[in-house]
Amino acid sequence: MTFEPGMTPAPTITPEETGIVPQGMTRTPGASDFPWWRGAVIYQVYPRSYADADGDGVGDLSGLTERLEHIASLNVDAMWLSPIYASPMKDFGYDVSDYCDVDPLFGTLADFDAMLEKAHGLGLKVLVDQVYSHTSDEHEWFAESRSGRDNPKADWYVWADAKADGTPPNNWQSMFGGPAWKWDPVRAQYYMHNFLVCQPQLNLHNPEVQDALLGVAQFWLDRGVDGFRMDALNFAMHDPQLRDNPPAALFDRSVVRPFDFQHHTYSQFHKDTPRFLEKLRKLTDRYDGIFTLAEVCADDGNVAIKRFIKGTTRMNSAYGFDFLYAPQLTPQLVHDVMSHWPDEPGMGWPSWAFENHDAPRAVSRWVAPEHKDAFAKVKLALLVALRGTVIAYQGEELGLEQDDIPYELLKDPEAINNWPRTLSRDGARTPLPWDESEHGGFTTGDPWLPLGEANARRAVSLQEGDPGSTLNIARAMFGLRKHFPALRLGGIENCQFDNELLVLDRVYEAQRIRCLFNLGPNERPFSDTSENTVLIASVGGATRDKLPGFSALFWECDW
């Protein structure tokens, strides 16, 4: 396998040793004409848990900078950083108190600049989170807004009078539990919050608020970032008439939040949100190679999501939730999800993830404990085969499982509020294990969350020298996608499934790659007798004659 300039290959492992042997590798003419992000592999960094340089138990920018070579060695194209902005950290950075400064917990703007320069030198693009639906209640904008009803920022947040009986203006519910309204005695009004009480909702209907947020985006673009992951865009604008949400006609009786008893008809997905996104796109188009990724969680399949990426004037792509909270990964699920995004003009470009900082680790959701390690590898192979941009979450390259965090050590406010019915997000946010030393080499202090023993045994240092490790399979598979345009850019043809067997063809111009997966634990018979195929990848011991449980084959076809 050929590595791109600036990339760091695994120190002792050749691609052939992993079973991924890209013979006859080709670059299809014209493939380089697409923007860098189309079909890219992006690595999500959760900075609190990546690497701690100062020993305070929390990851920081200096630690990230010191360990950037690990990310480069994965053959990914870019990394996305969860928030590093100034914040009271009540929602771990998604409660921003200053959009244009780094929280001292992570370092300084100078530390950010140093990290960005090194990342670019390693060939890595850098995306940062942007949180536009709300701020912290400690943001200076909110302090001014709540000081009275006639100040310059009085209308920068969503304020409303009480009903005649003193109750909130409507029935909207917060995602984290309870009404989406908090009484403020200073203004003698309620303010809206879709998440924690300390996260007041910005009023994006106000042009001044829009201009302020565009100024935030320009600040980071001028600093040299390569794009944004836009947090919770479905919450960005509300119905100014404050109409009640209708009840959900059929809801899951196991729900743990009042939020789930409603259709969010009026509290989300306002028709003017795309117009703001068009303003943002005009700004990002003034810079070269900027990628904008919308986080949009919708109940109507992909209809609402596609409105955010329609045409060429809004977001470049949207972050799909089809897999993140799915109870099982089945061939039929993959087939059905991919069918919603055909390779057609105007369809929009999707992005996919199996894990992130808000969802439980996939190996703990989708497979029995005895199959976790095998499944972690075939899952990475499947991610590489999906049409769209794909996002690997920190630790996914090691096959990390969900850590079990006891109640007394929980930090996640959602889990605390809904204990014991919600699986803690903390379990997917525990430190990345680097070596066999205490706390996995993450910190010399006491880590902000404990690292479980099972994940400590999956440390980077323990996987480096093993050709068949999840880490080295991840490196090889991501490299495969980088070099085969059909995997990176192609459409999907001939997508079929039979129980736990999935086959799909990725096709770009004259190049066709067939991808075959056994997503179950039992061996499946298989025979490939064609003389017009070149095997380019085998995961989990798959051969032309058999497919062991949790295995995959990729081959290039001349037909």
Protein backbone atom coordinates (compact mmCIF):
# COMPACT_ATOMS: atom_id res chain seq x y z
CA MET A 1 0.00 0.00 0.00
CA THR A 2 1.26 3.46 -0.84
CA PHE A 3 1.04 6.06 1.88
CA GLU A 4 0.37 9.71 1.13
CA PRO A 5 3.17 12.23 1.76
CA GLY A 6 3.11 13.35 5.37
CA MET A 7 1.29 10.25 6.57
CA THR A 8 2.89 7.96 9.12
CA PRO A 9 2.44 4.24 8.40
CA ALA A 10 2.28 1.62 11.13
CA PRO A 11 5.90 1.24 12.25
CA THR A 12 6.41 -2.49 11.69
CA ILE A 13 3.33 -3.82 9.91
CA THR A 14 2.97 -4.06 6.15
CA PRO A 15 -0.49 -4.02 4.56
CA GLU A 16 0.05 -7.58 3.30
CA GLU A 17 0.43 -8.81 6.88
CA THR A 18 -3.05 -7.51 7.74
CA GLY A 19 -4.65 -9.52 4.94
CA ILE A 20 -5.49 -6.36 3.02
CA VAL A 21 -3.50 -6.58 -0.19
CA PRO A 22 -4.43 -3.89 -2.70
CA GLN A 23 -2.97 -5.41 -5.85
CA GLY A 24 -3.51 -3.53 -9.06
CA MET A 25 -4.48 -0.40 -7.14
CA THR A 26 -5.57 2.39 -9.45
CA ARG A 27 -6.53 6.00 -9.30
CA THR A 28 -9.37 6.64 -11.71
CA PRO A 29 -8.80 9.72 -13.91
CA GLY A 30 -10.81 12.66 -12.67
CA ALA A 31 -11.13 11.39 -9.10
CA SER A 32 -8.92 14.20 -7.81
CA ASP A 33 -11.36 16.76 -9.21
CA PHE A 34 -13.71 16.23 -6.25
CA PRO A 35 -13.42 18.24 -3.01
CA TRP A 36 -11.22 16.59 -0.38
CA TRP A 37 -14.12 15.79 1.93
CA ARG A 38 -16.15 13.78 -0.56
CA GLY A 39 -15.79 10.20 0.61
CA ALA A 40 -13.15 11.17 3.17
CA VAL A 41 -12.50 9.39 6.46
CA ILE A 42 -12.74 11.79 9.41
CA TYR A 43 -11.52 10.93 12.91
CA GLN A 44 -13.51 12.44 15.78
CA VAL A 45 -11.36 13.58 18.70
CA TYR A 46 -12.95 13.99 22.12
CA PRO A 47 -10.24 16.28 23.54
CA ARG A 48 -11.02 15.65 27.22
CA SER A 49 -10.10 12.00 26.76
CA TYR A 50 -7.46 11.90 24.03
CA ALA A 51 -4.17 12.77 25.76
CA ASP A 52 -3.34 14.81 28.88
CA ALA A 53 -0.02 16.68 28.75
CA ASP A 54 -0.17 18.60 32.04
CA GLY A 55 -1.27 15.79 34.37
CA ASP A 56 -4.53 17.33 35.58
CA GLY A 57 -6.53 14.28 34.43
CA VAL A 58 -8.20 16.03 31.49
CA GLY A 59 -7.00 15.83 27.92
CA ASP A 60 -5.70 19.04 26.37
CA LEU A 61 -4.46 20.57 23.14
CA SER A 62 -0.81 20.01 24.01
CA GLY A 63 -1.51 16.33 24.56
CA LEU A 64 -3.36 16.17 21.25
CA THR A 65 -0.45 17.85 19.49
CA GLU A 66 2.02 15.38 20.95
CA ARG A 67 -0.09 12.45 19.78
CA LEU A 68 -1.13 13.67 16.31
CA GLU A 69 1.08 11.10 14.62
CA HIS A 70 -1.28 8.40 15.81
CA ILE A 71 -4.17 9.98 13.92
CA ALA A 72 -2.01 10.51 10.83
CA SER A 73 -0.96 6.84 10.95
CA LEU A 74 -4.59 5.79 10.54
CA ASN A 75 -4.65 7.08 6.95
CA VAL A 76 -7.60 9.33 7.68
CA ASP A 77 -8.10 12.62 5.85
CA ALA A 78 -9.18 14.87 8.68
CA MET A 79 -10.07 15.11 12.33
CA TRP A 80 -13.02 16.75 14.01
CA LEU A 81 -12.56 18.24 17.47
CA SER A 82 -15.43 18.30 19.94
CA PRO A 83 -15.66 21.74 21.59
CA ILE A 84 -12.56 23.29 23.15
CA TYR A 85 -14.12 26.73 23.76
CA ALA A 86 -14.35 28.60 27.03
CA SER A 87 -17.12 26.96 29.03
CA PRO A 88 -18.35 26.20 32.56
CA MET A 89 -18.27 22.57 31.33
CA LYS A 90 -21.70 21.68 32.67
CA ASP A 91 -22.31 19.95 29.34
CA PHE A 92 -18.59 19.45 28.69
CA GLY A 93 -18.04 22.24 26.20
CA TYR A 94 -21.42 22.30 24.50
CA ASP A 95 -22.30 25.15 26.89
CA VAL A 96 -20.12 27.86 25.37
CA SER A 97 -19.31 31.02 27.32
CA ASP A 98 -16.89 32.45 24.72
CA TYR A 99 -16.91 31.23 21.13
CA CYS A 100 -13.58 32.85 20.29
CA ASP A 101 -11.34 31.58 23.07
CA VAL A 102 -10.01 28.24 24.25
CA ASP A 103 -10.95 27.06 27.72
CA PRO A 104 -7.91 27.07 30.05
CA LEU A 105 -8.63 23.41 30.74
CA PHE A 106 -7.50 22.68 27.17
CA GLY A 107 -4.86 25.39 26.82
CA THR A 108 -4.72 28.64 24.87
CA LEU A 109 -5.34 29.94 21.38
CA ALA A 110 -1.59 29.67 20.84
CA ASP A 111 -1.82 25.96 21.71
CA PHE A 112 -4.63 25.61 19.20
CA ASP A 113 -2.57 27.33 16.52
CA ALA A 114 0.40 25.03 17.22
CA MET A 115 -1.84 21.97 16.98
CA LEU A 116 -3.38 23.20 13.74
CA GLU A 117 0.01 23.86 12.16
CA LYS A 118 1.30 20.42 13.05
CA ALA A 119 -1.88 18.71 11.86
CA HIS A 120 -1.65 20.45 8.51
CA GLY A 121 2.00 19.44 8.29
CA LEU A 122 0.94 15.81 8.74
CA GLY A 123 -1.59 16.11 5.95
CA LEU A 124 -4.62 16.29 8.25
CA LYS A 125 -7.53 18.68 7.79
CA VAL A 126 -9.06 20.03 11.01
CA LEU A 127 -12.78 20.57 11.70
CA VAL A 128 -14.12 22.22 14.83
CA ASP A 129 -17.55 22.05 16.41
CA GLN A 130 -19.84 25.06 16.16
CA VAL A 131 -22.72 25.27 18.63
CA TYR A 132 -25.27 27.78 17.35
CA SER A 133 -28.57 26.74 18.90
CA HIS A 134 -27.64 27.82 22.44
CA THR A 135 -24.91 29.21 24.68
CA SER A 136 -24.00 28.90 28.33
CA ASP A 137 -25.96 31.08 30.74
CA GLU A 138 -22.52 32.47 31.64
CA HIS A 139 -22.02 33.94 28.16
CA GLU A 140 -21.84 37.72 28.21
CA TRP A 141 -24.61 37.83 25.59
CA PHE A 142 -27.02 36.15 27.97
CA ALA A 143 -25.97 38.28 30.93
CA GLU A 144 -26.93 41.37 28.95
CA SER A 145 -30.08 39.83 27.53
CA ARG A 146 -31.49 38.86 30.92
CA SER A 147 -30.71 42.25 32.49
CA GLY A 148 -33.92 43.77 31.14
CA ARG A 149 -36.40 43.85 28.28
CA ASP A 150 -35.05 46.96 26.55
CA ASN A 151 -31.28 46.37 26.31
CA PRO A 152 -29.50 45.90 22.94
CA LYS A 153 -29.46 42.10 23.34
CA ALA A 154 -32.92 41.73 24.88
CA ASP A 155 -34.08 39.73 21.85
CA TRP A 156 -30.93 37.62 21.38
CA TYR A 157 -32.45 34.69 23.27
CA VAL A 158 -35.91 33.12 23.28
CA TRP A 159 -37.93 34.84 26.00
CA ALA A 160 -41.67 34.56 26.62
CA ASP A 161 -44.23 35.65 29.18
CA ALA A 162 -45.91 33.16 31.45
CA LYS A 163 -49.46 32.04 30.82
CA ALA A 164 -52.13 33.68 32.92
CA ASP A 165 -51.73 31.00 35.59
CA GLY A 166 -47.94 31.42 35.74
CA THR A 167 -47.10 28.21 33.88
CA PRO A 168 -44.65 28.06 30.94
CA PRO A 169 -45.69 29.48 27.55
CA ASN A 170 -46.28 26.07 25.96
CA ASN A 171 -45.73 22.34 26.35
CA TRP A 172 -42.25 22.06 24.82
CA GLN A 173 -39.93 19.68 26.63
CA SER A 174 -36.17 19.65 27.15
CA MET A 175 -34.11 16.72 25.86
CA PHE A 176 -32.47 16.40 29.27
CA GLY A 177 -35.75 16.18 31.18
CA GLY A 178 -38.56 18.53 32.19
CA PRO A 179 -40.03 21.60 30.49
CA ALA A 180 -37.96 23.51 27.95
CA TRP A 181 -38.60 26.71 29.92
CA LYS A 182 -36.92 28.26 32.95
CA TRP A 183 -38.37 31.18 34.92
CA ASP A 184 -36.03 34.14 35.26
CA PRO A 185 -36.94 36.54 38.10
CA VAL A 186 -34.83 39.40 36.69
CA ARG A 187 -36.85 39.72 33.46
CA ALA A 188 -39.94 38.13 34.99
CA GLN A 189 -40.15 35.91 31.92
CA TYR A 190 -39.35 32.39 30.91
CA TYR A 191 -36.37 31.61 28.71
CA MET A 192 -36.22 28.58 26.47
CA HIS A 193 -33.65 25.79 26.78
CA ASN A 194 -33.70 22.63 24.65
CA PHE A 195 -31.02 20.99 26.78
CA LEU A 196 -29.81 21.92 30.26
CA VAL A 197 -31.30 24.84 32.17
CA CYS A 198 -27.88 26.50 31.89
CA GLN A 199 -28.05 26.37 28.05
CA PRO A 200 -30.43 29.17 27.00
CA GLN A 201 -31.71 29.07 23.44
CA LEU A 202 -30.37 31.67 21.02
CA ASN A 203 -32.94 33.48 18.89
CA LEU A 204 -31.63 32.85 15.39
CA HIS A 205 -34.63 34.65 13.92
CA ASN A 206 -32.82 37.83 14.98
CA PRO A 207 -30.50 39.02 12.16
CA GLU A 208 -28.07 40.44 14.73
CA VAL A 209 -27.66 36.99 16.27
CA GLN A 210 -27.07 35.50 12.85
CA ASP A 211 -24.41 38.12 12.10
CA ALA A 212 -22.71 37.47 15.45
CA LEU A 213 -22.53 33.73 14.75
CA LEU A 214 -21.22 34.33 11.24
CA GLY A 215 -18.54 36.44 12.89
CA VAL A 216 -17.65 33.46 15.09
CA ALA A 217 -17.35 31.24 12.01
CA GLN A 218 -15.13 33.81 10.30
CA PHE A 219 -12.88 33.99 13.38
CA TRP A 220 -12.07 30.27 13.11
CA LEU A 221 -11.88 30.27 9.31
CA ASP A 222 -9.34 33.08 9.47
CA ARG A 223 -7.41 31.01 11.99
CA GLY A 224 -7.07 28.29 9.37
CA VAL A 225 -9.61 25.56 10.19
CA ASP A 226 -10.85 23.41 7.33
CA GLY A 227 -14.49 23.20 8.28
CA PHE A 228 -17.21 22.87 10.87
CA ARG A 229 -19.38 20.21 12.38
CA MET A 230 -22.58 22.10 13.14
CA ASP A 231 -24.12 20.90 16.39
CA ALA A 232 -27.87 20.30 16.82
CA LEU A 233 -29.00 22.26 13.76
CA ASN A 234 -32.52 20.90 13.97
CA PHE A 235 -32.85 22.92 17.20
CA ALA A 236 -31.50 26.14 15.68
CA MET A 237 -34.84 27.91 15.16
CA HIS A 238 -38.22 27.70 16.87
CA ASP A 239 -41.80 28.61 15.96
CA PRO A 240 -42.19 32.29 16.95
CA GLN A 241 -45.90 31.69 17.65
CA LEU A 242 -44.87 29.19 20.35
CA ARG A 243 -47.58 26.71 19.39
CA ASP A 244 -47.85 23.52 21.44
CA ASN A 245 -46.19 20.41 20.05
CA PRO A 246 -48.69 17.62 19.31
CA PRO A 247 -48.44 14.41 21.33
CA ALA A 248 -46.81 11.41 19.71
CA ALA A 249 -49.62 9.15 18.57
CA LEU A 250 -47.55 6.03 19.09
CA PHE A 251 -44.60 6.24 21.41
CA ASP A 252 -42.33 3.69 22.99
CA ARG A 253 -43.65 2.98 26.50
CA SER A 254 -40.09 2.42 27.65
CA VAL A 255 -39.15 6.07 27.05
CA VAL A 256 -37.49 7.81 29.95
CA ARG A 257 -37.97 11.48 28.96
CA PRO A 258 -41.07 13.66 28.60
CA PHE A 259 -39.34 14.93 25.44
CA ASP A 260 -40.16 11.63 23.75
CA PHE A 261 -43.91 11.98 24.28
CA GLN A 262 -44.16 14.69 21.59
CA HIS A 263 -43.72 15.30 17.91
CA HIS A 264 -41.37 18.30 17.82
CA THR A 265 -43.36 20.05 15.13
CA TYR A 266 -42.88 23.60 16.40
CA SER A 267 -39.80 23.48 18.60
CA GLN A 268 -37.50 22.26 15.78
CA PHE A 269 -36.94 22.37 12.01
CA HIS A 270 -38.25 25.84 11.35
CA LYS A 271 -38.50 26.60 7.64
CA ASP A 272 -36.13 29.58 7.95
CA THR A 273 -33.18 27.53 9.20
CA PRO A 274 -31.94 26.70 5.68
CA ARG A 275 -31.89 30.42 4.87
CA PHE A 276 -29.40 31.00 7.67
CA LEU A 277 -27.36 28.06 6.42
CA GLU A 278 -27.22 29.74 3.00
CA LYS A 279 -25.62 32.77 4.64
CA LEU A 280 -23.09 30.53 6.32
CA ARG A 281 -22.34 28.78 3.02
CA LYS A 282 -21.68 32.11 1.32
CA LEU A 283 -19.10 32.81 4.01
CA THR A 284 -17.39 29.41 3.84
CA ASP A 285 -17.29 29.56 0.03
CA ARG A 286 -14.98 32.57 0.33
CA TYR A 287 -12.32 30.17 1.64
CA ASP A 288 -10.72 27.19 -0.08
CA GLY A 289 -11.76 23.62 0.68
CA ILE A 290 -14.10 24.21 3.62
CA PHE A 291 -16.35 21.34 4.67
CA THR A 292 -19.56 21.89 6.63
CA LEU A 293 -21.22 18.93 8.32
CA ALA A 294 -24.70 19.31 9.76
CA GLU A 295 -25.81 17.33 12.80
CA VAL A 296 -29.51 16.84 12.20
CA CYS A 297 -31.58 14.32 14.13
CA ALA A 298 -35.01 13.76 12.57
CA ASP A 299 -37.95 11.41 13.04
CA ASP A 300 -39.06 11.52 9.38
CA GLY A 301 -36.36 9.43 7.81
CA ASN A 302 -34.14 11.69 5.74
CA VAL A 303 -36.68 14.22 4.44
CA ALA A 304 -35.78 16.97 6.91
CA ILE A 305 -32.07 16.18 6.77
CA LYS A 306 -31.97 16.59 3.00
CA ARG A 307 -33.41 20.10 3.28
CA PHE A 308 -30.25 21.13 5.11
CA ILE A 309 -27.92 19.93 2.33
CA LYS A 310 -30.12 20.52 -0.72
CA GLY A 311 -28.32 21.85 -3.77
CA THR A 312 -25.01 23.69 -3.52
CA THR A 313 -25.99 26.62 -1.27
CA ARG A 314 -26.37 24.97 2.14
CA MET A 315 -24.32 22.46 4.13
CA ASN A 316 -21.99 20.10 2.28
CA SER A 317 -23.21 17.02 4.13
CA ALA A 318 -25.35 15.84 7.02
CA TYR A 319 -24.48 13.52 9.86
CA GLY A 320 -26.76 10.48 9.69
CA PHE A 321 -28.23 8.94 12.84
CA ASP A 322 -29.49 5.74 11.19
CA PHE A 323 -26.70 3.64 12.71
CA LEU A 324 -25.79 5.57 15.88
CA TYR A 325 -28.77 4.42 17.90
CA ALA A 326 -29.79 1.31 15.99
CA PRO A 327 -30.24 -1.64 18.37
CA GLN A 328 -28.69 -4.03 15.82
CA LEU A 329 -26.47 -3.80 12.76
CA THR A 330 -28.12 -5.97 10.12
CA PRO A 331 -27.62 -6.31 6.36
CA GLN A 332 -31.21 -5.19 5.88
CA LEU A 333 -30.56 -2.01 7.87
CA VAL A 334 -27.54 -1.21 5.69
CA HIS A 335 -29.54 -1.94 2.54
CA ASP A 336 -32.45 0.24 3.62
CA VAL A 337 -30.29 3.17 4.74
CA MET A 338 -28.19 3.17 1.59
CA SER A 339 -31.34 3.05 -0.55
CA HIS A 340 -32.31 6.47 0.82
CA TRP A 341 -29.16 8.02 -0.66
CA PRO A 342 -28.86 6.92 -4.31
CA ASP A 343 -26.11 8.34 -6.48
CA GLU A 344 -28.37 10.83 -8.24
CA PRO A 345 -28.00 14.55 -9.07
CA GLY A 346 -29.26 16.83 -6.31
CA MET A 347 -29.53 14.01 -3.79
CA GLY A 348 -26.96 15.45 -1.40
CA TRP A 349 -23.96 13.79 0.14
CA PRO A 350 -24.44 11.83 3.39
CA SER A 351 -22.00 11.17 6.24
CA TRP A 352 -22.02 8.10 8.46
CA ALA A 353 -20.79 7.07 11.87
CA PHE A 354 -21.29 3.96 13.97
CA GLU A 355 -20.06 5.65 17.16
CA ASN A 356 -19.62 9.10 18.66
CA HIS A 357 -19.42 10.89 22.01
CA ASP A 358 -23.21 10.76 22.48
CA ALA A 359 -23.87 7.12 21.58
CA PRO A 360 -22.84 3.89 23.30
CA ARG A 361 -19.89 2.03 21.79
CA ALA A 362 -21.11 -0.05 18.86
CA VAL A 363 -19.42 -3.29 19.93
CA SER A 364 -21.39 -3.10 23.18
CA ARG A 365 -24.69 -2.44 21.37
CA TRP A 366 -24.48 -4.80 18.44
CA VAL A 367 -22.76 -8.02 19.39
CA ALA A 368 -22.36 -10.54 22.22
CA PRO A 369 -19.30 -10.01 24.46
CA GLU A 370 -17.42 -13.03 23.13
CA HIS A 371 -17.52 -11.62 19.58
CA LYS A 372 -16.49 -8.01 20.28
CA ASP A 373 -12.98 -8.18 18.88
CA ALA A 374 -13.96 -9.91 15.63
CA PHE A 375 -16.93 -7.64 15.18
CA ALA A 376 -14.85 -4.49 15.72
CA LYS A 377 -12.82 -5.35 12.62
CA VAL A 378 -15.64 -6.26 10.27
CA LYS A 379 -17.52 -3.16 11.43
CA LEU A 380 -14.59 -0.99 10.32
CA ALA A 381 -14.58 -2.75 6.95
CA LEU A 382 -18.28 -2.04 6.54
CA LEU A 383 -17.83 1.61 7.45
CA VAL A 384 -15.23 1.91 4.68
CA ALA A 385 -17.67 0.42 2.16
CA LEU A 386 -20.53 2.87 2.76
CA ARG A 387 -21.30 5.57 0.21
CA GLY A 388 -20.66 8.94 1.80
CA THR A 389 -18.12 10.54 4.08
CA VAL A 390 -17.41 8.35 7.10
CA ILE A 391 -16.48 9.29 10.64
CA ALA A 392 -14.54 7.07 13.03
CA TYR A 393 -14.79 7.95 16.70
CA GLN A 394 -11.74 8.11 18.92
CA GLY A 395 -10.98 4.59 20.17
CA GLU A 396 -13.02 2.88 17.47
CA GLU A 397 -9.72 2.00 15.78
CA LEU A 398 -8.84 0.03 18.93
CA GLY A 399 -12.20 -1.73 19.22
CA LEU A 400 -13.02 -0.04 22.52
CA GLU A 401 -16.18 -1.16 24.28
CA GLN A 402 -18.57 0.78 26.50
CA ASP A 403 -17.02 1.33 29.91
CA ASP A 404 -19.29 0.74 32.89
CA ILE A 405 -19.35 3.92 34.98
CA PRO A 406 -20.97 3.60 38.42
CA TYR A 407 -23.47 6.24 39.45
CA GLU A 408 -21.16 7.88 41.97
CA LEU A 409 -18.59 8.57 39.21
CA LEU A 410 -21.01 9.78 36.53
CA LYS A 411 -20.34 13.17 34.95
CA ASP A 412 -22.94 13.07 32.17
CA PRO A 413 -25.91 15.29 33.19
CA GLU A 414 -28.34 13.38 30.98
CA ALA A 415 -27.45 10.07 32.61
CA ILE A 416 -27.65 11.55 36.09
CA ASN A 417 -31.06 13.12 35.38
CA ASN A 418 -32.48 9.87 33.96
CA TRP A 419 -30.70 7.32 36.15
CA PRO A 420 -30.91 4.34 35.88
CA ARG A 421 -32.87 4.23 32.61
CA THR A 422 -30.34 5.94 30.32
CA LEU A 423 -27.06 4.32 29.34
CA SER A 424 -24.45 6.89 30.29
CA ARG A 425 -22.64 8.76 27.54
CA ASP A 426 -19.66 8.74 29.91
CA GLY A 427 -19.06 5.10 29.02
CA ALA A 428 -18.08 6.15 25.48
CA ARG A 429 -16.01 9.11 26.66
CA THR A 430 -13.41 7.37 28.82
CA PRO A 431 -9.67 7.96 28.17
CA LEU A 432 -7.90 6.56 25.14
CA PRO A 433 -5.46 3.85 26.32
CA TRP A 434 -1.97 4.42 24.95
CA ASP A 435 0.15 1.87 26.79
CA GLU A 436 0.26 -0.51 29.76
CA SER A 437 1.12 2.10 32.36
CA GLU A 438 -1.33 3.41 34.94
CA HIS A 439 -4.45 4.97 33.42
CA GLY A 440 -3.32 3.65 30.03
CA GLY A 441 -0.70 6.36 29.69
CA PHE A 442 -3.46 8.95 29.23
CA THR A 443 -2.44 11.04 32.25
CA THR A 444 -0.06 11.11 35.20
CA GLY A 445 -2.87 12.40 37.40
CA ASP A 446 -6.32 11.12 38.26
CA PRO A 447 -8.35 10.79 35.04
CA TRP A 448 -11.64 12.64 34.86
CA LEU A 449 -13.30 9.31 34.01
CA PRO A 450 -11.92 5.85 34.83
CA LEU A 451 -10.57 3.55 32.12
CA GLY A 452 -11.99 0.04 32.34
CA GLU A 453 -9.74 -3.01 32.45
CA ALA A 454 -11.07 -4.46 29.19
CA ASN A 455 -10.26 -1.28 27.28
CA ALA A 456 -6.87 -0.94 28.99
CA ARG A 457 -6.00 -4.29 27.39
CA ARG A 458 -6.68 -2.75 23.97
CA ALA A 459 -3.99 -0.05 24.30
CA VAL A 460 -2.26 1.32 21.23
CA SER A 461 1.12 -0.09 22.31
CA LEU A 462 -0.35 -3.59 22.68
CA GLN A 463 -1.83 -3.55 19.17
CA GLU A 464 1.01 -1.92 17.23
CA GLY A 465 2.99 -5.09 16.57
CA ASP A 466 0.07 -7.40 15.83
CA PRO A 467 -0.73 -7.55 12.09
CA GLY A 468 -4.26 -8.73 12.80
CA SER A 469 -5.06 -6.18 15.49
CA THR A 470 -8.06 -3.90 15.16
CA LEU A 471 -5.67 -0.96 15.01
CA ASN A 472 -3.76 -2.29 12.02
CA ILE A 473 -6.93 -3.42 10.26
CA ALA A 474 -8.25 0.15 10.70
CA ARG A 475 -5.07 1.60 9.19
CA ALA A 476 -5.19 -0.71 6.22
CA MET A 477 -8.92 -0.33 5.57
CA PHE A 478 -8.84 3.47 5.76
CA GLY A 479 -5.87 3.41 3.39
CA LEU A 480 -7.85 1.18 1.03
CA ARG A 481 -10.62 3.76 0.83
CA LYS A 482 -8.12 6.54 0.23
CA HIS A 483 -6.70 4.81 -2.84
CA PHE A 484 -9.71 3.24 -4.54
CA PRO A 485 -11.99 5.90 -6.05
CA ALA A 486 -14.88 3.42 -6.24
CA LEU A 487 -14.84 3.10 -2.44
CA ARG A 488 -14.40 6.80 -1.86
CA LEU A 489 -16.60 8.33 -4.54
CA GLY A 490 -18.61 5.60 -6.23
CA GLY A 491 -22.27 4.84 -6.18
CA ILE A 492 -23.77 1.63 -4.83
CA GLU A 493 -25.04 -1.02 -7.21
CA ASN A 494 -26.27 -4.55 -6.63
CA CYS A 495 -26.90 -4.14 -2.90
CA GLN A 496 -28.35 -7.45 -1.67
CA PHE A 497 -28.76 -9.23 1.62
CA ASP A 498 -29.59 -12.71 2.82
CA ASN A 499 -30.03 -12.98 6.59
CA GLU A 500 -26.58 -12.02 7.92
CA LEU A 501 -24.88 -11.86 4.51
CA LEU A 502 -24.52 -8.49 2.75
CA VAL A 503 -23.09 -7.77 -0.68
CA LEU A 504 -22.75 -4.42 -2.35
CA ASP A 505 -20.85 -3.13 -5.35
CA ARG A 506 -19.18 0.28 -5.28
CA VAL A 507 -18.79 1.64 -8.79
CA TYR A 508 -16.95 4.68 -10.08
CA GLU A 509 -16.53 5.04 -13.85
CA ALA A 510 -14.82 1.81 -14.99
CA GLN A 511 -13.85 0.65 -11.52
CA ARG A 512 -16.06 -1.80 -9.61
CA ILE A 513 -15.32 -3.06 -6.11
CA ARG A 514 -17.46 -5.84 -4.67
CA CYS A 515 -17.78 -5.87 -0.88
CA LEU A 516 -19.07 -8.97 0.87
CA PHE A 517 -19.81 -9.17 4.60
CA ASN A 518 -20.85 -11.85 7.05
CA LEU A 519 -22.32 -9.88 9.95
CA GLY A 520 -23.22 -12.95 11.96
CA PRO A 521 -21.21 -15.31 14.18
CA ASN A 522 -21.61 -18.43 12.03
CA GLU A 523 -19.51 -19.42 9.04
CA ARG A 524 -21.21 -19.08 5.67
CA PRO A 525 -20.26 -21.08 2.55
CA PHE A 526 -19.07 -19.00 -0.32
CA SER A 527 -17.28 -19.62 -3.59
CA ASP A 528 -15.75 -17.13 -6.00
CA THR A 529 -14.56 -18.89 -9.15
CA SER A 530 -14.30 -15.86 -11.37
CA GLU A 531 -11.00 -15.25 -13.09
CA ASN A 532 -11.80 -11.58 -13.55
CA THR A 533 -11.45 -10.50 -9.94
CA VAL A 534 -8.49 -9.33 -7.87
CA LEU A 535 -8.74 -9.83 -4.12
CA ILE A 536 -7.84 -6.58 -2.34
CA ALA A 537 -8.97 -7.20 1.23
CA SER A 538 -9.76 -10.05 3.58
CA VAL A 539 -10.92 -9.36 7.13
CA GLY A 540 -11.64 -12.01 9.74
CA GLY A 541 -10.10 -14.90 7.82
CA ALA A 542 -12.45 -14.72 4.83
CA THR A 543 -11.32 -16.57 1.69
CA ARG A 544 -12.71 -17.25 -1.76
CA ASP A 545 -14.14 -20.49 -0.37
CA LYS A 546 -15.66 -19.50 2.95
CA LEU A 547 -16.82 -16.61 5.09
CA PRO A 548 -16.16 -17.15 8.81
CA GLY A 549 -18.37 -15.35 11.28
CA PHE A 550 -17.82 -11.58 11.27
CA SER A 551 -15.66 -11.44 8.17
CA ALA A 552 -15.42 -9.48 4.94
CA LEU A 553 -13.98 -9.70 1.43
CA PHE A 554 -13.28 -6.88 -0.99
CA TRP A 555 -12.25 -7.51 -4.56
CA GLU A 556 -11.89 -5.50 -7.74
CA CYS A 557 -14.03 -6.81 -10.57
CA ASP A 558 -13.41 -6.66 -14.29
CA TRP A 559 -17.07 -7.01 -15.22
